[in-house]
Amino acid sequence: MSKPTPSPKRKKKKASGSKGLDDEVTEILRHRGHYVVIDTDSDYLYVGKLLGVHGSFITLGEADVHDRRESSSMNEKYVLESKKYGIRSNRREVHLRFQRMVSYSLLEDVIDY
């Protein structure tokens, strides 16, 4: 009796767009340990120390989760105050869904005007 022929091994393909996502994660991780500002597609703005990216989440430490609806100050003014006076952290650690992020920047790159 002959042994069954094993099926040829196939290379796993990444889902389309995942290469771009890997590149984005690598770029973001260059700023690990630095304070970042993250704008989202929701009413929340995040300012905190970038700790890492795990799966589909970005993790910030010493973070200020700011609900834009609860403040009369404009986002830019709020971010400038955070840079000038320090972050008013209200979370030791927060995990933000990567897909909700619209933009991010280093807090030190915020330009005073």
N, C-alpha and C. Protein backbone atom coordinates (compact mmCIF):
# COMPACT_ATOMS: atom_id res chain seq x y z
N MET A 1 0.84 -1.17 0.00
CA MET A 1 0.00 0.00 0.00
C MET A 1 0.89 1.24 0.00
N SER A 2 0.59 2.17 -0.86
CA SER A 2 1.43 3.36 -0.97
C SER A 2 0.94 4.45 -0.03
N LYS A 3 1.89 5.27 0.39
CA LYS A 3 1.58 6.39 1.28
C LYS A 3 0.96 7.52 0.47
N PRO A 4 0.00 8.26 1.08
CA PRO A 4 -0.58 9.39 0.35
C PRO A 4 0.47 10.48 0.12
N THR A 5 0.39 11.10 -1.03
CA THR A 5 1.33 12.16 -1.35
C THR A 5 0.92 13.43 -0.61
N PRO A 6 1.86 14.00 0.15
CA PRO A 6 1.50 15.22 0.87
C PRO A 6 1.23 16.36 -0.11
N SER A 7 0.27 17.20 0.27
CA SER A 7 -0.04 18.34 -0.60
C SER A 7 1.08 19.36 -0.52
N PRO A 8 1.33 20.05 -1.63
CA PRO A 8 2.43 21.03 -1.61
C PRO A 8 2.13 22.14 -0.61
N LYS A 9 3.21 22.61 0.05
CA LYS A 9 3.05 23.69 1.01
C LYS A 9 2.83 24.99 0.27
N ARG A 10 1.88 25.75 0.73
CA ARG A 10 1.59 27.03 0.12
C ARG A 10 2.11 28.14 1.02
N LYS A 11 2.61 29.15 0.38
CA LYS A 11 3.03 30.31 1.14
C LYS A 11 1.79 31.08 1.55
N LYS A 12 1.80 31.50 2.80
CA LYS A 12 0.68 32.31 3.27
C LYS A 12 0.81 33.72 2.74
N LYS A 13 -0.28 34.20 2.21
CA LYS A 13 -0.30 35.58 1.74
C LYS A 13 -0.89 36.45 2.82
N LYS A 14 -0.32 37.64 2.94
CA LYS A 14 -0.91 38.61 3.86
C LYS A 14 -2.13 39.20 3.19
N ALA A 15 -3.08 39.57 4.01
CA ALA A 15 -4.27 40.22 3.47
C ALA A 15 -3.85 41.52 2.81
N SER A 16 -4.58 41.88 1.76
CA SER A 16 -4.21 43.12 1.07
C SER A 16 -4.26 44.28 2.04
N GLY A 17 -3.26 45.12 1.96
CA GLY A 17 -3.20 46.28 2.84
C GLY A 17 -2.44 46.03 4.13
N SER A 18 -2.17 44.78 4.47
CA SER A 18 -1.50 44.51 5.74
C SER A 18 -0.04 44.94 5.69
N LYS A 19 0.57 44.93 4.53
CA LYS A 19 1.96 45.40 4.41
C LYS A 19 2.01 46.87 4.79
N GLY A 20 1.07 47.64 4.29
CA GLY A 20 1.00 49.06 4.63
C GLY A 20 0.79 49.26 6.12
N LEU A 21 -0.03 48.43 6.73
CA LEU A 21 -0.29 48.51 8.16
C LEU A 21 0.97 48.19 8.95
N ASP A 22 1.70 47.16 8.52
CA ASP A 22 2.96 46.83 9.18
C ASP A 22 3.93 48.00 9.12
N ASP A 23 3.99 48.66 7.97
CA ASP A 23 4.87 49.82 7.82
C ASP A 23 4.45 50.95 8.76
N GLU A 24 3.14 51.17 8.89
CA GLU A 24 2.65 52.21 9.79
C GLU A 24 3.00 51.90 11.23
N VAL A 25 2.83 50.66 11.63
CA VAL A 25 3.16 50.25 13.00
C VAL A 25 4.65 50.46 13.26
N THR A 26 5.49 50.07 12.31
CA THR A 26 6.94 50.26 12.46
C THR A 26 7.27 51.73 12.61
N GLU A 27 6.64 52.57 11.81
CA GLU A 27 6.88 54.02 11.88
C GLU A 27 6.45 54.57 13.24
N ILE A 28 5.29 54.18 13.70
CA ILE A 28 4.79 54.66 14.99
C ILE A 28 5.71 54.20 16.12
N LEU A 29 6.16 52.97 16.07
CA LEU A 29 7.00 52.43 17.14
C LEU A 29 8.36 53.12 17.24
N ARG A 30 8.76 53.85 16.21
CA ARG A 30 9.99 54.64 16.29
C ARG A 30 9.90 55.69 17.40
N HIS A 31 8.66 56.04 17.77
CA HIS A 31 8.43 57.09 18.76
C HIS A 31 8.10 56.53 20.15
N ARG A 32 8.34 55.25 20.34
CA ARG A 32 8.08 54.62 21.64
C ARG A 32 8.84 55.38 22.73
N GLY A 33 8.14 55.67 23.82
CA GLY A 33 8.75 56.38 24.94
C GLY A 33 8.59 57.90 24.85
N HIS A 34 8.10 58.38 23.72
CA HIS A 34 7.88 59.81 23.54
C HIS A 34 6.39 60.14 23.74
N TYR A 35 6.12 61.39 24.05
CA TYR A 35 4.73 61.83 24.20
C TYR A 35 4.16 62.17 22.84
N VAL A 36 2.96 61.65 22.59
CA VAL A 36 2.30 61.84 21.30
C VAL A 36 0.89 62.40 21.50
N VAL A 37 0.40 63.01 20.43
CA VAL A 37 -0.98 63.49 20.35
C VAL A 37 -1.65 62.65 19.28
N ILE A 38 -2.78 62.04 19.62
CA ILE A 38 -3.50 61.21 18.65
C ILE A 38 -4.90 61.78 18.46
N ASP A 39 -5.19 62.15 17.21
CA ASP A 39 -6.53 62.57 16.82
C ASP A 39 -7.27 61.34 16.34
N THR A 40 -8.55 61.26 16.69
CA THR A 40 -9.34 60.10 16.30
C THR A 40 -10.56 60.54 15.49
N ASP A 41 -11.25 59.55 14.96
CA ASP A 41 -12.48 59.83 14.23
C ASP A 41 -13.68 59.91 15.17
N SER A 42 -13.40 60.00 16.46
CA SER A 42 -14.46 60.13 17.46
C SER A 42 -14.32 61.49 18.14
N ASP A 43 -15.01 61.67 19.25
CA ASP A 43 -14.94 62.92 20.01
C ASP A 43 -13.75 62.96 20.96
N TYR A 44 -12.90 61.96 20.90
CA TYR A 44 -11.79 61.88 21.85
C TYR A 44 -10.44 62.22 21.22
N LEU A 45 -9.64 62.90 22.00
CA LEU A 45 -8.27 63.26 21.66
C LEU A 45 -7.39 62.63 22.74
N TYR A 46 -6.29 62.04 22.36
CA TYR A 46 -5.40 61.35 23.30
C TYR A 46 -4.03 62.02 23.31
N VAL A 47 -3.51 62.26 24.51
CA VAL A 47 -2.16 62.77 24.67
C VAL A 47 -1.50 61.88 25.72
N GLY A 48 -0.37 61.29 25.37
CA GLY A 48 0.30 60.42 26.34
C GLY A 48 1.58 59.85 25.80
N LYS A 49 2.25 59.07 26.64
CA LYS A 49 3.52 58.45 26.28
C LYS A 49 3.24 57.16 25.51
N LEU A 50 3.80 57.07 24.31
CA LEU A 50 3.60 55.87 23.49
C LEU A 50 4.35 54.70 24.12
N LEU A 51 3.60 53.67 24.50
CA LEU A 51 4.21 52.48 25.09
C LEU A 51 4.40 51.37 24.07
N GLY A 52 3.46 51.26 23.12
CA GLY A 52 3.60 50.20 22.13
C GLY A 52 2.37 50.04 21.28
N VAL A 53 2.46 49.09 20.35
CA VAL A 53 1.34 48.70 19.50
C VAL A 53 1.22 47.20 19.66
N HIS A 54 0.05 46.74 20.07
CA HIS A 54 -0.18 45.32 20.30
C HIS A 54 -1.45 44.91 19.56
N GLY A 55 -1.29 44.09 18.55
CA GLY A 55 -2.46 43.68 17.77
C GLY A 55 -3.07 44.88 17.10
N SER A 56 -4.31 45.15 17.39
CA SER A 56 -5.00 46.28 16.76
C SER A 56 -5.12 47.47 17.71
N PHE A 57 -4.27 47.52 18.74
CA PHE A 57 -4.34 48.61 19.71
C PHE A 57 -3.01 49.35 19.84
N ILE A 58 -3.11 50.66 20.04
CA ILE A 58 -1.98 51.50 20.40
C ILE A 58 -2.10 51.72 21.90
N THR A 59 -1.02 51.57 22.65
CA THR A 59 -1.05 51.73 24.09
C THR A 59 -0.29 52.98 24.48
N LEU A 60 -0.97 53.84 25.26
CA LEU A 60 -0.36 55.05 25.80
C LEU A 60 -0.33 54.95 27.31
N GLY A 61 0.72 55.49 27.91
CA GLY A 61 0.83 55.58 29.36
C GLY A 61 0.77 57.03 29.78
N GLU A 62 0.47 57.26 31.07
CA GLU A 62 0.38 58.62 31.61
C GLU A 62 -0.46 59.48 30.68
N ALA A 63 -1.61 58.96 30.28
CA ALA A 63 -2.39 59.55 29.19
C ALA A 63 -3.51 60.46 29.68
N ASP A 64 -3.80 61.43 28.84
CA ASP A 64 -4.97 62.29 29.00
C ASP A 64 -5.93 61.93 27.89
N VAL A 65 -7.07 61.34 28.27
CA VAL A 65 -8.13 61.05 27.32
C VAL A 65 -9.08 62.23 27.42
N HIS A 66 -9.11 63.05 26.39
CA HIS A 66 -9.85 64.30 26.41
C HIS A 66 -11.10 64.19 25.54
N ASP A 67 -12.26 64.35 26.16
CA ASP A 67 -13.53 64.36 25.44
C ASP A 67 -13.77 65.78 24.94
N ARG A 68 -13.69 65.97 23.65
CA ARG A 68 -13.82 67.31 23.06
C ARG A 68 -15.18 67.94 23.34
N ARG A 69 -16.19 67.14 23.60
CA ARG A 69 -17.53 67.67 23.87
C ARG A 69 -17.62 68.34 25.23
N GLU A 70 -16.71 67.99 26.14
CA GLU A 70 -16.78 68.50 27.52
C GLU A 70 -15.92 69.73 27.74
N SER A 71 -15.41 70.31 26.69
CA SER A 71 -14.52 71.45 26.84
C SER A 71 -14.88 72.53 25.83
N SER A 72 -14.81 73.76 26.28
CA SER A 72 -15.09 74.86 25.36
C SER A 72 -13.84 75.27 24.60
N SER A 73 -12.66 74.78 25.02
CA SER A 73 -11.42 75.14 24.33
C SER A 73 -11.28 74.34 23.04
N MET A 74 -10.68 74.97 22.07
CA MET A 74 -10.43 74.30 20.79
C MET A 74 -9.34 73.25 20.99
N ASN A 75 -9.32 72.25 20.12
CA ASN A 75 -8.33 71.17 20.22
C ASN A 75 -6.91 71.70 20.25
N GLU A 76 -6.60 72.62 19.35
CA GLU A 76 -5.23 73.13 19.27
C GLU A 76 -4.83 73.84 20.56
N LYS A 77 -5.74 74.61 21.11
CA LYS A 77 -5.44 75.31 22.36
C LYS A 77 -5.20 74.29 23.48
N TYR A 78 -6.02 73.26 23.51
CA TYR A 78 -5.88 72.21 24.52
C TYR A 78 -4.52 71.52 24.40
N VAL A 79 -4.12 71.20 23.18
CA VAL A 79 -2.84 70.53 22.95
C VAL A 79 -1.69 71.46 23.31
N LEU A 80 -1.79 72.73 22.95
CA LEU A 80 -0.74 73.70 23.30
C LEU A 80 -0.59 73.82 24.81
N GLU A 81 -1.71 73.83 25.53
CA GLU A 81 -1.66 73.89 27.00
C GLU A 81 -1.01 72.63 27.57
N SER A 82 -1.29 71.50 26.96
CA SER A 82 -0.67 70.25 27.41
C SER A 82 0.83 70.30 27.22
N LYS A 83 1.26 70.88 26.13
CA LYS A 83 2.69 70.99 25.87
C LYS A 83 3.34 71.98 26.85
N LYS A 84 2.68 73.10 27.06
CA LYS A 84 3.25 74.16 27.90
C LYS A 84 3.23 73.82 29.38
N TYR A 85 2.11 73.31 29.88
CA TYR A 85 1.94 73.08 31.32
C TYR A 85 2.06 71.63 31.75
N GLY A 86 2.11 70.74 30.79
CA GLY A 86 2.19 69.32 31.11
C GLY A 86 0.86 68.62 30.86
N ILE A 87 0.95 67.33 30.71
CA ILE A 87 -0.23 66.51 30.43
C ILE A 87 -0.99 66.27 31.71
N ARG A 88 -2.28 66.51 31.67
CA ARG A 88 -3.16 66.23 32.82
C ARG A 88 -3.66 64.80 32.70
N SER A 89 -2.78 63.87 33.03
CA SER A 89 -3.13 62.47 32.80
C SER A 89 -4.28 62.03 33.69
N ASN A 90 -5.20 61.31 33.07
CA ASN A 90 -6.33 60.74 33.79
C ASN A 90 -6.42 59.23 33.59
N ARG A 91 -5.38 58.66 32.97
CA ARG A 91 -5.27 57.22 32.79
C ARG A 91 -3.80 56.82 32.94
N ARG A 92 -3.54 55.78 33.73
CA ARG A 92 -2.18 55.25 33.80
C ARG A 92 -1.81 54.61 32.48
N GLU A 93 -2.80 53.95 31.89
CA GLU A 93 -2.59 53.28 30.62
C GLU A 93 -3.91 53.24 29.88
N VAL A 94 -3.86 53.45 28.58
CA VAL A 94 -5.08 53.39 27.76
C VAL A 94 -4.74 52.68 26.46
N HIS A 95 -5.68 51.91 25.96
CA HIS A 95 -5.51 51.16 24.72
C HIS A 95 -6.51 51.72 23.71
N LEU A 96 -5.99 52.22 22.62
CA LEU A 96 -6.80 52.86 21.60
C LEU A 96 -6.79 52.00 20.34
N ARG A 97 -7.95 51.77 19.76
CA ARG A 97 -8.02 50.98 18.53
C ARG A 97 -7.27 51.70 17.41
N PHE A 98 -6.37 50.99 16.79
CA PHE A 98 -5.55 51.55 15.71
C PHE A 98 -6.44 52.12 14.60
N GLN A 99 -7.56 51.45 14.31
CA GLN A 99 -8.44 51.87 13.22
C GLN A 99 -9.12 53.22 13.49
N ARG A 100 -9.19 53.64 14.76
CA ARG A 100 -9.85 54.91 15.10
C ARG A 100 -8.92 56.10 14.93
N MET A 101 -7.63 55.84 14.77
CA MET A 101 -6.65 56.92 14.67
C MET A 101 -6.75 57.60 13.31
N VAL A 102 -6.81 58.93 13.34
CA VAL A 102 -6.82 59.72 12.12
C VAL A 102 -5.42 60.28 11.87
N SER A 103 -4.78 60.77 12.93
CA SER A 103 -3.42 61.28 12.81
C SER A 103 -2.73 61.22 14.16
N TYR A 104 -1.41 61.29 14.12
CA TYR A 104 -0.65 61.38 15.35
C TYR A 104 0.55 62.27 15.10
N SER A 105 1.05 62.87 16.17
CA SER A 105 2.27 63.66 16.08
C SER A 105 2.95 63.63 17.44
N LEU A 106 4.23 63.92 17.43
CA LEU A 106 4.93 64.05 18.69
C LEU A 106 4.47 65.33 19.36
N LEU A 107 4.29 65.31 20.67
CA LEU A 107 3.89 66.51 21.38
C LEU A 107 4.94 67.60 21.21
N GLU A 108 6.21 67.22 21.17
CA GLU A 108 7.28 68.20 21.01
C GLU A 108 7.26 68.87 19.63
N ASP A 109 6.58 68.27 18.65
CA ASP A 109 6.49 68.86 17.31
C ASP A 109 5.31 69.84 17.17
N VAL A 110 4.50 69.98 18.21
CA VAL A 110 3.40 70.93 18.17
C VAL A 110 4.02 72.33 18.18
N ILE A 111 3.61 73.15 17.24
CA ILE A 111 4.19 74.49 17.08
C ILE A 111 3.39 75.50 17.88
N ASP A 112 4.11 76.24 18.73
CA ASP A 112 3.48 77.33 19.49
C ASP A 112 3.19 78.48 18.56
N TYR A 113 2.05 79.11 18.77
CA TYR A 113 1.74 80.30 17.98
C TYR A 113 1.23 81.40 18.86
